[in-house]
Amino acid sequence: MTRNPQSADRISAIERVHTALTTIARRGSARVRRDTPLSSVDQSLLRLLADHPGTRAVDIADHFGFNRSTVSRQIGALSAAGLIEETSDDAGESRRGQPLRLSSAGESLLAERASEIRAVTAARMRDWTAEEVAVFAALLERYNGGPEE
């Protein structure tokens, strides 16, 4: 396997990867808009809170690079919809905002959406062998585990 960053084949392959990832993102965004009242930002916030319960608004803003007022509005809307809730602040750090977590309704909605997306993914890969799926999964994990630049 060549690692020459100047290789025409490598440059072409990177362009193909970029095009494929862009297509996946667009398709996913279209599905989100069509199938749920939640925006992709809403779903990203819910996923972050599912993965990291107790995260505070300031940390969400830092994580996504959003303006804090934007996060505050998003959190307000998700809270009003009953999808997230504040938790107790045992650490006494209320100056940084209250820790947040998914409500049971938020957990259910996120699980439902994940199940729907897994079903779509499985349908697209129905003709793939188990080995092909495993290789693809490993390559995506490797890609996503790479350095942020």
Protein backbone atom coordinates (compact mmCIF):
# COMPACT_ATOMS: atom_id res chain seq x y z
CA MET A 1 0.00 0.00 0.00
CA THR A 2 1.45 3.35 -1.02
CA ARG A 3 1.38 6.33 1.30
CA ASN A 4 2.68 8.88 -1.20
CA PRO A 5 0.40 11.89 -0.64
CA GLN A 6 1.17 13.11 -4.18
CA SER A 7 -0.02 9.95 -5.93
CA ALA A 8 -2.71 10.72 -8.54
CA ASP A 9 -4.50 7.50 -7.56
CA ARG A 10 -4.50 8.54 -3.91
CA ILE A 11 -5.79 12.03 -4.73
CA SER A 12 -8.53 10.50 -6.88
CA ALA A 13 -9.48 8.03 -4.15
CA ILE A 14 -9.62 10.80 -1.53
CA GLU A 15 -11.97 12.73 -3.82
CA ARG A 16 -14.17 9.63 -4.13
CA VAL A 17 -14.23 9.25 -0.33
CA HIS A 18 -15.16 12.92 0.06
CA THR A 19 -17.94 12.61 -2.50
CA ALA A 20 -19.31 9.47 -0.84
CA LEU A 21 -19.24 11.02 2.65
CA THR A 22 -20.96 14.15 1.35
CA THR A 23 -23.66 12.00 -0.24
CA ILE A 24 -24.17 10.09 3.01
CA ALA A 25 -24.44 13.35 4.98
CA ARG A 26 -26.91 14.89 2.51
CA ARG A 27 -29.04 11.75 2.45
CA GLY A 28 -29.05 11.64 6.25
CA SER A 29 -29.96 15.32 6.53
CA ALA A 30 -32.81 14.89 4.07
CA ARG A 31 -34.13 11.91 6.04
CA VAL A 32 -33.94 13.89 9.29
CA ARG A 33 -35.92 16.76 7.79
CA ARG A 34 -38.49 14.39 6.31
CA ASP A 35 -38.99 11.98 9.21
CA THR A 36 -38.78 14.01 12.41
CA PRO A 37 -39.55 17.46 13.77
CA LEU A 38 -36.00 17.59 15.15
CA SER A 39 -33.22 19.28 13.24
CA SER A 40 -29.87 17.61 12.77
CA VAL A 41 -28.51 20.03 15.40
CA ASP A 42 -31.21 18.90 17.84
CA GLN A 43 -30.32 15.27 17.21
CA SER A 44 -26.61 16.02 17.62
CA LEU A 45 -27.28 17.67 20.99
CA LEU A 46 -29.42 14.74 22.10
CA ARG A 47 -26.74 12.26 21.01
CA LEU A 48 -24.07 14.21 22.93
CA LEU A 49 -26.20 14.19 26.08
CA ALA A 50 -26.94 10.48 25.63
CA ASP A 51 -23.22 9.76 25.37
CA HIS A 52 -22.23 12.23 28.12
CA PRO A 53 -25.02 12.74 30.68
CA GLY A 54 -24.37 15.72 32.91
CA THR A 55 -22.85 17.85 30.16
CA ARG A 56 -23.48 21.58 30.65
CA ALA A 57 -24.56 24.11 28.04
CA VAL A 58 -21.14 25.79 28.07
CA ASP A 59 -19.50 22.45 27.34
CA ILE A 60 -21.94 21.79 24.49
CA ALA A 61 -21.08 25.17 22.99
CA ASP A 62 -17.38 24.41 23.24
CA HIS A 63 -17.79 20.89 21.84
CA PHE A 64 -19.65 22.01 18.71
CA GLY A 65 -18.09 25.45 18.38
CA PHE A 66 -21.53 27.08 18.70
CA ASN A 67 -22.31 30.46 20.20
CA ARG A 68 -23.53 30.02 23.76
CA SER A 69 -26.76 31.90 23.04
CA THR A 70 -27.49 29.48 20.20
CA VAL A 71 -26.98 26.53 22.54
CA SER A 72 -29.17 28.19 25.14
CA ARG A 73 -32.01 28.53 22.61
CA GLN A 74 -31.60 24.93 21.45
CA ILE A 75 -31.57 23.66 25.03
CA GLY A 76 -34.62 25.75 25.85
CA ALA A 77 -36.54 24.28 22.93
CA LEU A 78 -35.47 20.70 23.74
CA SER A 79 -36.37 21.22 27.38
CA ALA A 80 -39.78 22.70 26.47
CA ALA A 81 -40.38 19.66 24.24
CA GLY A 82 -39.66 17.44 27.26
CA LEU A 83 -36.62 15.81 25.67
CA ILE A 84 -33.93 16.98 28.11
CA GLU A 85 -33.86 17.98 31.74
CA GLU A 86 -31.51 19.52 34.25
CA THR A 87 -29.90 17.32 36.86
CA SER A 88 -28.83 18.26 40.36
CA ASP A 89 -25.55 20.10 40.63
CA ASP A 90 -23.81 18.06 43.31
CA ALA A 91 -20.44 19.58 42.47
CA GLY A 92 -21.64 23.08 43.31
CA GLU A 93 -20.58 24.50 39.96
CA SER A 94 -23.85 26.27 39.17
CA ARG A 95 -21.92 29.26 37.80
CA ARG A 96 -21.21 27.06 34.76
CA GLY A 97 -24.86 26.09 34.31
CA GLN A 98 -26.81 23.04 35.27
CA PRO A 99 -25.80 19.57 34.11
CA LEU A 100 -28.20 18.22 31.50
CA ARG A 101 -29.42 14.77 30.59
CA LEU A 102 -31.98 13.19 28.33
CA SER A 103 -35.44 12.75 29.74
CA SER A 104 -37.14 9.40 29.26
CA ALA A 105 -38.97 10.92 26.27
CA GLY A 106 -35.63 12.07 24.84
CA GLU A 107 -34.11 8.62 25.34
CA SER A 108 -37.10 7.02 23.60
CA LEU A 109 -37.03 9.42 20.67
CA LEU A 110 -33.28 9.04 20.18
CA ALA A 111 -33.53 5.24 20.38
CA GLU A 112 -36.39 5.27 17.86
CA ARG A 113 -34.41 7.44 15.43
CA ALA A 114 -31.30 5.27 15.84
CA SER A 115 -33.37 2.16 15.15
CA GLU A 116 -34.82 3.73 12.00
CA ILE A 117 -31.37 4.75 10.76
CA ARG A 118 -29.94 1.29 11.49
CA ALA A 119 -32.80 -0.24 9.49
CA VAL A 120 -32.03 2.04 6.52
CA THR A 121 -28.33 1.19 6.81
CA ALA A 122 -29.07 -2.54 6.98
CA ALA A 123 -31.33 -2.26 3.91
CA ARG A 124 -28.63 -0.50 1.91
CA MET A 125 -26.15 -3.24 2.88
CA ARG A 126 -28.50 -6.22 2.56
CA ASP A 127 -26.48 -7.72 -0.31
CA TRP A 128 -23.14 -7.26 1.46
CA THR A 129 -21.40 -10.18 3.11
CA ALA A 130 -20.79 -10.12 6.86
CA GLU A 131 -17.08 -9.72 6.09
CA GLU A 132 -17.70 -6.69 3.85
CA VAL A 133 -19.82 -5.05 6.54
CA ALA A 134 -17.13 -5.74 9.17
CA VAL A 135 -14.36 -4.31 6.95
CA PHE A 136 -16.43 -1.20 6.17
CA ALA A 137 -17.19 -0.71 9.88
CA ALA A 138 -13.51 -1.06 10.78
CA LEU A 139 -12.46 1.42 8.10
CA LEU A 140 -15.07 3.96 9.23
CA GLU A 141 -13.93 3.56 12.84
CA ARG A 142 -10.34 4.10 11.75
CA TYR A 143 -11.34 7.17 9.75
CA ASN A 144 -13.35 8.65 12.62
CA GLY A 145 -10.56 7.88 15.09
CA GLY A 146 -8.06 9.92 13.08
CA PRO A 147 -6.73 13.31 14.12
CA GLU A 148 -8.93 16.40 13.95
CA GLU A 149 -7.42 18.96 11.66
